[in-house]
């Protein structure tokens, strides 16, 4: 006979990432 309450929600989130990594080592002594 009576609708006492109506509720609703929606939530959306996006994350986009690009990355690069370079490891360099010389003669077992130096690294970058």
ModelCIF file with pLDDT and N, C-alpha, C, O atoms, coordinates in Angstrom:
data_MODEL
#
_entry.id   MODEL 
#
_entity.id                         1 
_entity.type                       polymer 
_entity.pdbx_number_of_molecules   1 
#
_entity_poly.entity_id                      1 
_entity_poly.type                           'polypeptide(L)' 
_entity_poly.nstd_linkage                   no 
_entity_poly.nstd_monomer                   no 
_entity_poly.pdbx_seq_one_letter_code       
;(UNK)(UNK)(UNK)(UNK)(UNK)(UNK)(UNK)(UNK)(UNK)(UNK)(UNK)(UNK)(UNK)(UNK)(UNK)(UNK)
(UNK)(UNK)(UNK)(UNK)(UNK)(UNK)(UNK)(UNK)(UNK)(UNK)(UNK)(UNK)(UNK)(UNK)(UNK)(UNK)
;
_entity_poly.pdbx_seq_one_letter_code_can   XXXXXXXXXXXXXXXXXXXXXXXXXXXXXXXX 
_entity_poly.pdbx_strand_id                 A 
#
loop_
_entity_poly_seq.entity_id 
_entity_poly_seq.num 
_entity_poly_seq.mon_id 
_entity_poly_seq.hetero 
1 1  UNK n 
1 2  UNK n 
1 3  UNK n 
1 4  UNK n 
1 5  UNK n 
1 6  UNK n 
1 7  UNK n 
1 8  UNK n 
1 9  UNK n 
1 10 UNK n 
1 11 UNK n 
1 12 UNK n 
1 13 UNK n 
1 14 UNK n 
1 15 UNK n 
1 16 UNK n 
1 17 UNK n 
1 18 UNK n 
1 19 UNK n 
1 20 UNK n 
1 21 UNK n 
1 22 UNK n 
1 23 UNK n 
1 24 UNK n 
1 25 UNK n 
1 26 UNK n 
1 27 UNK n 
1 28 UNK n 
1 29 UNK n 
1 30 UNK n 
1 31 UNK n 
1 32 UNK n 
#
_struct_asym.id          A 
_struct_asym.entity_id   1 
#
loop_
_ma_qa_metric.id 
_ma_qa_metric.mode 
_ma_qa_metric.name 
_ma_qa_metric.software_group_id 
_ma_qa_metric.type 
1 global pLDDT . pLDDT 
2 local  pLDDT . pLDDT 
#
_ma_qa_metric_global.metric_id      1 
_ma_qa_metric_global.metric_value   92.69 
_ma_qa_metric_global.model_id       1 
_ma_qa_metric_global.ordinal_id     1 
#
loop_
_ma_qa_metric_local.label_asym_id 
_ma_qa_metric_local.label_comp_id 
_ma_qa_metric_local.label_seq_id 
_ma_qa_metric_local.metric_id 
_ma_qa_metric_local.metric_value 
_ma_qa_metric_local.model_id 
_ma_qa_metric_local.ordinal_id 
A UNK 1  2 82.00 1 1  
A UNK 2  2 84.00 1 2  
A UNK 3  2 86.00 1 3  
A UNK 4  2 86.00 1 4  
A UNK 5  2 86.00 1 5  
A UNK 6  2 89.00 1 6  
A UNK 7  2 89.00 1 7  
A UNK 8  2 89.00 1 8  
A UNK 9  2 89.00 1 9  
A UNK 10 2 90.00 1 10 
A UNK 11 2 91.00 1 11 
A UNK 12 2 94.00 1 12 
A UNK 13 2 94.00 1 13 
A UNK 14 2 95.00 1 14 
A UNK 15 2 95.00 1 15 
A UNK 16 2 96.00 1 16 
A UNK 17 2 96.00 1 17 
A UNK 18 2 97.00 1 18 
A UNK 19 2 96.00 1 19 
A UNK 20 2 97.00 1 20 
A UNK 21 2 97.00 1 21 
A UNK 22 2 97.00 1 22 
A UNK 23 2 97.00 1 23 
A UNK 24 2 97.00 1 24 
A UNK 25 2 96.00 1 25 
A UNK 26 2 95.00 1 26 
A UNK 27 2 92.00 1 27 
A UNK 28 2 90.00 1 28 
A UNK 29 2 94.00 1 29 
A UNK 30 2 96.00 1 30 
A UNK 31 2 97.00 1 31 
A UNK 32 2 97.00 1 32 
#
loop_
_atom_site.group_PDB 
_atom_site.id 
_atom_site.type_symbol 
_atom_site.label_atom_id 
_atom_site.label_alt_id 
_atom_site.label_comp_id 
_atom_site.label_asym_id 
_atom_site.label_entity_id 
_atom_site.label_seq_id 
_atom_site.pdbx_PDB_ins_code 
_atom_site.Cartn_x 
_atom_site.Cartn_y 
_atom_site.Cartn_z 
_atom_site.occupancy 
_atom_site.B_iso_or_equiv 
_atom_site.pdbx_formal_charge 
_atom_site.auth_seq_id 
_atom_site.auth_comp_id 
_atom_site.auth_asym_id 
_atom_site.auth_atom_id 
_atom_site.pdbx_PDB_model_num 
ATOM 1   N N  . UNK A 1 1  ? 0.824  -1.218 0.000   1.00 82.00 ? 1  UNK A N  1 
ATOM 2   C CA . UNK A 1 1  ? 0.000  0.000  0.000   1.00 82.00 ? 1  UNK A CA 1 
ATOM 3   C C  . UNK A 1 1  ? 0.854  1.262  0.000   1.00 82.00 ? 1  UNK A C  1 
ATOM 4   O O  . UNK A 1 1  ? 0.424  2.305  -0.492  1.00 82.00 ? 1  UNK A O  1 
ATOM 5   N N  . UNK A 1 2  ? 2.091  1.169  0.563   1.00 84.00 ? 2  UNK A N  1 
ATOM 6   C CA . UNK A 1 2  ? 2.942  2.360  0.668   1.00 84.00 ? 2  UNK A CA 1 
ATOM 7   C C  . UNK A 1 2  ? 4.393  1.985  0.365   1.00 84.00 ? 2  UNK A C  1 
ATOM 8   O O  . UNK A 1 2  ? 4.925  1.028  0.929   1.00 84.00 ? 2  UNK A O  1 
ATOM 9   N N  . UNK A 1 3  ? 5.021  2.736  -0.519  1.00 86.00 ? 3  UNK A N  1 
ATOM 10  C CA . UNK A 1 3  ? 6.459  2.624  -0.747  1.00 86.00 ? 3  UNK A CA 1 
ATOM 11  C C  . UNK A 1 3  ? 7.116  3.631  0.197   1.00 86.00 ? 3  UNK A C  1 
ATOM 12  O O  . UNK A 1 3  ? 6.978  4.839  0.001   1.00 86.00 ? 3  UNK A O  1 
ATOM 13  N N  . UNK A 1 4  ? 7.822  3.153  1.209   1.00 86.00 ? 4  UNK A N  1 
ATOM 14  C CA . UNK A 1 4  ? 8.346  4.051  2.245   1.00 86.00 ? 4  UNK A CA 1 
ATOM 15  C C  . UNK A 1 4  ? 9.665  4.711  1.873   1.00 86.00 ? 4  UNK A C  1 
ATOM 16  O O  . UNK A 1 4  ? 9.933  5.830  2.312   1.00 86.00 ? 4  UNK A O  1 
ATOM 17  N N  . UNK A 1 5  ? 10.495 4.047  1.073   1.00 86.00 ? 5  UNK A N  1 
ATOM 18  C CA . UNK A 1 5  ? 11.759 4.670  0.685   1.00 86.00 ? 5  UNK A CA 1 
ATOM 19  C C  . UNK A 1 5  ? 12.316 4.001  -0.562  1.00 86.00 ? 5  UNK A C  1 
ATOM 20  O O  . UNK A 1 5  ? 12.130 2.805  -0.788  1.00 86.00 ? 5  UNK A O  1 
ATOM 21  N N  . UNK A 1 6  ? 13.004 4.806  -1.364  1.00 89.00 ? 6  UNK A N  1 
ATOM 22  C CA . UNK A 1 6  ? 13.708 4.320  -2.548  1.00 89.00 ? 6  UNK A CA 1 
ATOM 23  C C  . UNK A 1 6  ? 15.061 5.019  -2.584  1.00 89.00 ? 6  UNK A C  1 
ATOM 24  O O  . UNK A 1 6  ? 15.130 6.240  -2.443  1.00 89.00 ? 6  UNK A O  1 
ATOM 25  N N  . UNK A 1 7  ? 16.126 4.268  -2.768  1.00 89.00 ? 7  UNK A N  1 
ATOM 26  C CA . UNK A 1 7  ? 17.460 4.859  -2.825  1.00 89.00 ? 7  UNK A CA 1 
ATOM 27  C C  . UNK A 1 7  ? 18.313 4.089  -3.820  1.00 89.00 ? 7  UNK A C  1 
ATOM 28  O O  . UNK A 1 7  ? 18.014 2.950  -4.178  1.00 89.00 ? 7  UNK A O  1 
ATOM 29  N N  . UNK A 1 8  ? 19.375 4.739  -4.251  1.00 89.00 ? 8  UNK A N  1 
ATOM 30  C CA . UNK A 1 8  ? 20.295 4.092  -5.182  1.00 89.00 ? 8  UNK A CA 1 
ATOM 31  C C  . UNK A 1 8  ? 21.524 4.941  -5.397  1.00 89.00 ? 8  UNK A C  1 
ATOM 32  O O  . UNK A 1 8  ? 21.490 6.153  -5.183  1.00 89.00 ? 8  UNK A O  1 
ATOM 33  N N  . UNK A 1 9  ? 22.602 4.324  -5.814  1.00 89.00 ? 9  UNK A N  1 
ATOM 34  C CA . UNK A 1 9  ? 23.840 5.045  -6.089  1.00 89.00 ? 9  UNK A CA 1 
ATOM 35  C C  . UNK A 1 9  ? 24.669 4.258  -7.088  1.00 89.00 ? 9  UNK A C  1 
ATOM 36  O O  . UNK A 1 9  ? 24.501 3.049  -7.250  1.00 89.00 ? 9  UNK A O  1 
ATOM 37  N N  . UNK A 1 10 ? 25.556 4.963  -7.744  1.00 90.00 ? 10 UNK A N  1 
ATOM 38  C CA . UNK A 1 10 ? 26.487 4.331  -8.669  1.00 90.00 ? 10 UNK A CA 1 
ATOM 39  C C  . UNK A 1 10 ? 27.815 5.067  -8.587  1.00 90.00 ? 10 UNK A C  1 
ATOM 40  O O  . UNK A 1 10 ? 27.843 6.293  -8.473  1.00 90.00 ? 10 UNK A O  1 
ATOM 41  N N  . UNK A 1 11 ? 28.894 4.336  -8.643  1.00 91.00 ? 11 UNK A N  1 
ATOM 42  C CA . UNK A 1 11 ? 30.219 4.948  -8.544  1.00 91.00 ? 11 UNK A CA 1 
ATOM 43  C C  . UNK A 1 11 ? 31.173 4.184  -9.460  1.00 91.00 ? 11 UNK A C  1 
ATOM 44  O O  . UNK A 1 11 ? 31.217 2.954  -9.449  1.00 91.00 ? 11 UNK A O  1 
ATOM 45  N N  . UNK A 1 12 ? 31.936 4.939  -10.253 1.00 94.00 ? 12 UNK A N  1 
ATOM 46  C CA . UNK A 1 12 ? 32.878 4.320  -11.178 1.00 94.00 ? 12 UNK A CA 1 
ATOM 47  C C  . UNK A 1 12 ? 34.145 5.156  -11.230 1.00 94.00 ? 12 UNK A C  1 
ATOM 48  O O  . UNK A 1 12 ? 34.094 6.385  -11.261 1.00 94.00 ? 12 UNK A O  1 
ATOM 49  N N  . UNK A 1 13 ? 35.278 4.475  -11.238 1.00 94.00 ? 13 UNK A N  1 
ATOM 50  C CA . UNK A 1 13 ? 36.559 5.167  -11.268 1.00 94.00 ? 13 UNK A CA 1 
ATOM 51  C C  . UNK A 1 13 ? 37.546 4.380  -12.111 1.00 94.00 ? 13 UNK A C  1 
ATOM 52  O O  . UNK A 1 13 ? 37.633 3.156  -12.010 1.00 94.00 ? 13 UNK A O  1 
ATOM 53  N N  . UNK A 1 14 ? 38.295 5.105  -12.954 1.00 95.00 ? 14 UNK A N  1 
ATOM 54  C CA . UNK A 1 14 ? 39.292 4.467  -13.807 1.00 95.00 ? 14 UNK A CA 1 
ATOM 55  C C  . UNK A 1 14 ? 40.676 5.052  -13.589 1.00 95.00 ? 14 UNK A C  1 
ATOM 56  O O  . UNK A 1 14 ? 40.826 6.253  -13.365 1.00 95.00 ? 14 UNK A O  1 
ATOM 57  N N  . UNK A 1 15 ? 41.687 4.194  -13.655 1.00 95.00 ? 15 UNK A N  1 
ATOM 58  C CA . UNK A 1 15 ? 43.086 4.621  -13.532 1.00 95.00 ? 15 UNK A CA 1 
ATOM 59  C C  . UNK A 1 15 ? 43.873 3.983  -14.678 1.00 95.00 ? 15 UNK A C  1 
ATOM 60  O O  . UNK A 1 15 ? 43.794 2.773  -14.895 1.00 95.00 ? 15 UNK A O  1 
ATOM 61  N N  . UNK A 1 16 ? 44.625 4.795  -15.403 1.00 96.00 ? 16 UNK A N  1 
ATOM 62  C CA . UNK A 1 16 ? 45.430 4.336  -16.529 1.00 96.00 ? 16 UNK A CA 1 
ATOM 63  C C  . UNK A 1 16 ? 46.882 4.720  -16.274 1.00 96.00 ? 16 UNK A C  1 
ATOM 64  O O  . UNK A 1 16 ? 47.161 5.852  -15.879 1.00 96.00 ? 16 UNK A O  1 
ATOM 65  N N  . UNK A 1 17 ? 47.813 3.788  -16.496 1.00 96.00 ? 17 UNK A N  1 
ATOM 66  C CA . UNK A 1 17 ? 49.224 4.049  -16.216 1.00 96.00 ? 17 UNK A CA 1 
ATOM 67  C C  . UNK A 1 17 ? 50.106 3.532  -17.352 1.00 96.00 ? 17 UNK A C  1 
ATOM 68  O O  . UNK A 1 17 ? 49.859 2.464  -17.911 1.00 96.00 ? 17 UNK A O  1 
ATOM 69  N N  . UNK A 1 18 ? 51.136 4.311  -17.681 1.00 97.00 ? 18 UNK A N  1 
ATOM 70  C CA . UNK A 1 18 ? 52.199 3.908  -18.591 1.00 97.00 ? 18 UNK A CA 1 
ATOM 71  C C  . UNK A 1 18 ? 53.525 4.043  -17.836 1.00 97.00 ? 18 UNK A C  1 
ATOM 72  O O  . UNK A 1 18 ? 53.713 5.004  -17.092 1.00 97.00 ? 18 UNK A O  1 
ATOM 73  N N  . UNK A 1 19 ? 54.442 3.094  -18.020 1.00 96.00 ? 19 UNK A N  1 
ATOM 74  C CA . UNK A 1 19 ? 55.689 3.184  -17.274 1.00 96.00 ? 19 UNK A CA 1 
ATOM 75  C C  . UNK A 1 19 ? 56.811 2.501  -18.041 1.00 96.00 ? 19 UNK A C  1 
ATOM 76  O O  . UNK A 1 19 ? 56.589 1.642  -18.895 1.00 96.00 ? 19 UNK A O  1 
ATOM 77  N N  . UNK A 1 20 ? 58.022 2.920  -17.701 1.00 97.00 ? 20 UNK A N  1 
ATOM 78  C CA . UNK A 1 20 ? 59.212 2.322  -18.281 1.00 97.00 ? 20 UNK A CA 1 
ATOM 79  C C  . UNK A 1 20 ? 60.338 2.317  -17.261 1.00 97.00 ? 20 UNK A C  1 
ATOM 80  O O  . UNK A 1 20 ? 60.444 3.233  -16.446 1.00 97.00 ? 20 UNK A O  1 
ATOM 81  N N  . UNK A 1 21 ? 61.186 1.280  -17.300 1.00 97.00 ? 21 UNK A N  1 
ATOM 82  C CA . UNK A 1 21 ? 62.306 1.179  -16.358 1.00 97.00 ? 21 UNK A CA 1 
ATOM 83  C C  . UNK A 1 21 ? 63.522 0.623  -17.073 1.00 97.00 ? 21 UNK A C  1 
ATOM 84  O O  . UNK A 1 21 ? 63.421 -0.339 -17.834 1.00 97.00 ? 21 UNK A O  1 
ATOM 85  N N  . UNK A 1 22 ? 64.676 1.234  -16.823 1.00 97.00 ? 22 UNK A N  1 
ATOM 86  C CA . UNK A 1 22 ? 65.936 0.801  -17.402 1.00 97.00 ? 22 UNK A CA 1 
ATOM 87  C C  . UNK A 1 22 ? 66.921 0.507  -16.280 1.00 97.00 ? 22 UNK A C  1 
ATOM 88  O O  . UNK A 1 22 ? 67.195 1.368  -15.444 1.00 97.00 ? 22 UNK A O  1 
ATOM 89  N N  . UNK A 1 23 ? 67.458 -0.722 -16.266 1.00 97.00 ? 23 UNK A N  1 
ATOM 90  C CA . UNK A 1 23 ? 68.529 -1.104 -15.343 1.00 97.00 ? 23 UNK A CA 1 
ATOM 91  C C  . UNK A 1 23 ? 69.804 -1.320 -16.144 1.00 97.00 ? 23 UNK A C  1 
ATOM 92  O O  . UNK A 1 23 ? 69.820 -2.071 -17.119 1.00 97.00 ? 23 UNK A O  1 
ATOM 93  N N  . UNK A 1 24 ? 70.869 -0.653 -15.719 1.00 97.00 ? 24 UNK A N  1 
ATOM 94  C CA . UNK A 1 24 ? 72.155 -0.805 -16.403 1.00 97.00 ? 24 UNK A CA 1 
ATOM 95  C C  . UNK A 1 24 ? 73.239 -1.031 -15.355 1.00 97.00 ? 24 UNK A C  1 
ATOM 96  O O  . UNK A 1 24 ? 73.304 -0.309 -14.360 1.00 97.00 ? 24 UNK A O  1 
ATOM 97  N N  . UNK A 1 25 ? 74.091 -2.035 -15.578 1.00 96.00 ? 25 UNK A N  1 
ATOM 98  C CA . UNK A 1 25 ? 75.209 -2.322 -14.677 1.00 96.00 ? 25 UNK A CA 1 
ATOM 99  C C  . UNK A 1 25 ? 76.479 -2.498 -15.486 1.00 96.00 ? 25 UNK A C  1 
ATOM 100 O O  . UNK A 1 25 ? 76.459 -3.066 -16.579 1.00 96.00 ? 25 UNK A O  1 
ATOM 101 N N  . UNK A 1 26 ? 77.605 -1.999 -14.934 1.00 95.00 ? 26 UNK A N  1 
ATOM 102 C CA . UNK A 1 26 ? 78.883 -2.075 -15.649 1.00 95.00 ? 26 UNK A CA 1 
ATOM 103 C C  . UNK A 1 26 ? 79.927 -2.753 -14.766 1.00 95.00 ? 26 UNK A C  1 
ATOM 104 O O  . UNK A 1 26 ? 80.234 -2.297 -13.665 1.00 95.00 ? 26 UNK A O  1 
ATOM 105 N N  . UNK A 1 27 ? 80.455 -3.847 -15.281 1.00 92.00 ? 27 UNK A N  1 
ATOM 106 C CA . UNK A 1 27 ? 81.618 -4.510 -14.702 1.00 92.00 ? 27 UNK A CA 1 
ATOM 107 C C  . UNK A 1 27 ? 81.395 -4.939 -13.247 1.00 92.00 ? 27 UNK A C  1 
ATOM 108 O O  . UNK A 1 27 ? 82.358 -5.044 -12.487 1.00 92.00 ? 27 UNK A O  1 
ATOM 109 N N  . UNK A 1 28 ? 80.165 -5.182 -12.855 1.00 90.00 ? 28 UNK A N  1 
ATOM 110 C CA . UNK A 1 28 ? 79.885 -5.641 -11.497 1.00 90.00 ? 28 UNK A CA 1 
ATOM 111 C C  . UNK A 1 28 ? 80.181 -4.618 -10.422 1.00 90.00 ? 28 UNK A C  1 
ATOM 112 O O  . UNK A 1 28 ? 80.259 -4.965 -9.244  1.00 90.00 ? 28 UNK A O  1 
ATOM 113 N N  . UNK A 1 29 ? 80.349 -3.342 -10.813 1.00 94.00 ? 29 UNK A N  1 
ATOM 114 C CA . UNK A 1 29 ? 80.698 -2.302 -9.836  1.00 94.00 ? 29 UNK A CA 1 
ATOM 115 C C  . UNK A 1 29 ? 79.709 -1.139 -9.814  1.00 94.00 ? 29 UNK A C  1 
ATOM 116 O O  . UNK A 1 29 ? 79.389 -0.606 -8.751  1.00 94.00 ? 29 UNK A O  1 
ATOM 117 N N  . UNK A 1 30 ? 79.233 -0.754 -10.980 1.00 96.00 ? 30 UNK A N  1 
ATOM 118 C CA . UNK A 1 30 ? 78.420 0.460  -11.075 1.00 96.00 ? 30 UNK A CA 1 
ATOM 119 C C  . UNK A 1 30 ? 77.055 0.111  -11.653 1.00 96.00 ? 30 UNK A C  1 
ATOM 120 O O  . UNK A 1 30 ? 76.942 -0.740 -12.535 1.00 96.00 ? 30 UNK A O  1 
ATOM 121 N N  . UNK A 1 31 ? 76.031 0.770  -11.154 1.00 97.00 ? 31 UNK A N  1 
ATOM 122 C CA . UNK A 1 31 ? 74.674 0.477  -11.631 1.00 97.00 ? 31 UNK A CA 1 
ATOM 123 C C  . UNK A 1 31 ? 73.867 1.762  -11.740 1.00 97.00 ? 31 UNK A C  1 
ATOM 124 O O  . UNK A 1 31 ? 74.104 2.742  -11.034 1.00 97.00 ? 31 UNK A O  1 
ATOM 125 N N  . UNK A 1 32 ? 72.911 1.718  -12.647 1.00 97.00 ? 32 UNK A N  1 
ATOM 126 C CA . UNK A 1 32 ? 71.993 2.840  -12.880 1.00 97.00 ? 32 UNK A CA 1 
ATOM 127 C C  . UNK A 1 32 ? 70.594 2.274  -13.069 1.00 97.00 ? 32 UNK A C  1 
ATOM 128 O O  . UNK A 1 32 ? 69.646 3.030  -13.280 1.00 97.00 ? 32 UNK A O  1 
#
